[in-house]
Amino acid sequence: MSEWISTDDRLPEINRSVLLLIIYQKFDEGTNVESEEICVGGRVGDGDDWFIGNTRIMWDYGYNLQFTSDDVTHWMPLPDLPK
């Protein structure tokens, strides 16, 4: 399996689904805490925007959380499908 690639080193191709590591701040029990998500997504448009699944919005505990391109720290190509 591939290694995680830093977004500082290289970005995935536009409109190609990859695994994303997103590190962001969320409000939890009165405090901002750092949280991580691993999901399938990629870059869209001119490459400055990211998508998760078929949307640019993440859901967590029923609240709509948006992230910035700076929150996507690493990515990895998707594995091959089973044969």
Protein backbone atom coordinates (compact mmCIF):
# COMPACT_ATOMS: atom_id res chain seq x y z
CA MET A 1 0.00 0.00 0.00
CA SER A 2 1.12 3.55 -0.67
CA GLU A 3 2.53 5.94 1.91
CA TRP A 4 0.78 9.16 2.95
CA ILE A 5 1.87 12.14 0.82
CA SER A 6 2.09 15.58 2.39
CA THR A 7 0.09 18.28 0.60
CA ASP A 8 3.20 20.45 1.05
CA ASP A 9 5.12 18.02 -1.17
CA ARG A 10 2.53 17.20 -3.85
CA LEU A 11 -1.19 17.48 -4.52
CA PRO A 12 -3.44 14.85 -6.11
CA GLU A 13 -4.76 15.33 -9.63
CA ILE A 14 -7.93 17.42 -9.93
CA ASN A 15 -11.19 15.38 -9.92
CA ARG A 16 -9.42 12.19 -8.82
CA SER A 17 -10.69 10.45 -5.66
CA VAL A 18 -8.02 9.71 -3.05
CA LEU A 19 -7.85 9.13 0.70
CA LEU A 20 -7.58 12.42 2.59
CA LEU A 21 -6.31 13.17 6.08
CA ILE A 22 -8.04 16.29 7.40
CA ILE A 23 -6.93 17.86 10.69
CA TYR A 24 -9.29 20.58 11.85
CA GLN A 25 -10.59 22.35 14.94
CA LYS A 26 -14.05 21.46 16.22
CA PHE A 27 -16.09 22.71 19.15
CA ASP A 28 -16.63 19.90 21.65
CA GLU A 29 -18.19 20.36 25.09
CA GLY A 30 -17.31 24.05 25.27
CA THR A 31 -13.75 23.71 23.97
CA ASN A 32 -12.06 23.78 20.58
CA VAL A 33 -10.22 20.50 20.06
CA GLU A 34 -8.09 19.23 17.22
CA SER A 35 -9.79 16.41 15.36
CA GLU A 36 -8.77 14.13 12.49
CA GLU A 37 -10.84 12.59 9.72
CA ILE A 38 -9.80 10.11 7.05
CA CYS A 39 -12.16 10.04 4.10
CA VAL A 40 -12.40 9.66 0.35
CA GLY A 41 -12.26 12.98 -1.49
CA GLY A 42 -10.11 15.06 -3.78
CA ARG A 43 -9.52 18.42 -5.45
CA VAL A 44 -12.06 20.18 -7.66
CA GLY A 45 -12.38 23.30 -9.78
CA ASP A 46 -9.15 25.18 -10.19
CA GLY A 47 -7.56 22.95 -7.55
CA ASP A 48 -8.02 25.25 -4.55
CA ASP A 49 -11.23 23.49 -3.42
CA TRP A 50 -11.63 20.00 -2.01
CA PHE A 51 -14.55 17.58 -1.95
CA ILE A 52 -15.51 14.72 0.35
CA GLY A 53 -17.61 12.07 -1.32
CA ASN A 54 -19.94 14.17 -3.45
CA THR A 55 -19.92 17.33 -1.31
CA ARG A 56 -17.54 19.94 0.11
CA ILE A 57 -19.08 19.72 3.59
CA MET A 58 -18.23 17.39 6.47
CA TRP A 59 -20.83 16.23 9.01
CA ASP A 60 -19.99 15.47 12.62
CA TYR A 61 -22.52 14.93 15.43
CA GLY A 62 -25.23 16.44 13.24
CA TYR A 63 -23.45 19.78 12.83
CA ASN A 64 -22.26 21.07 9.50
CA LEU A 65 -18.47 21.57 9.67
CA GLN A 66 -16.59 23.18 6.83
CA PHE A 67 -12.87 22.88 6.41
CA THR A 68 -10.31 24.88 4.48
CA SER A 69 -7.75 23.61 2.03
CA ASP A 70 -5.12 24.13 4.75
CA ASP A 71 -6.87 21.47 6.87
CA VAL A 72 -6.12 18.76 4.30
CA THR A 73 -2.60 17.77 5.36
CA HIS A 74 -1.96 14.45 3.59
CA TRP A 75 -3.40 12.20 0.91
CA MET A 76 -2.92 8.71 -0.47
CA PRO A 77 -4.03 7.02 -3.71
CA LEU A 78 -6.95 4.63 -3.30
CA PRO A 79 -6.01 0.94 -3.33
CA ASP A 80 -6.85 -1.20 -6.34
CA LEU A 81 -10.26 -2.88 -6.31
CA PRO A 82 -10.29 -6.58 -5.40
CA LYS A 83 -10.25 -9.05 -8.25
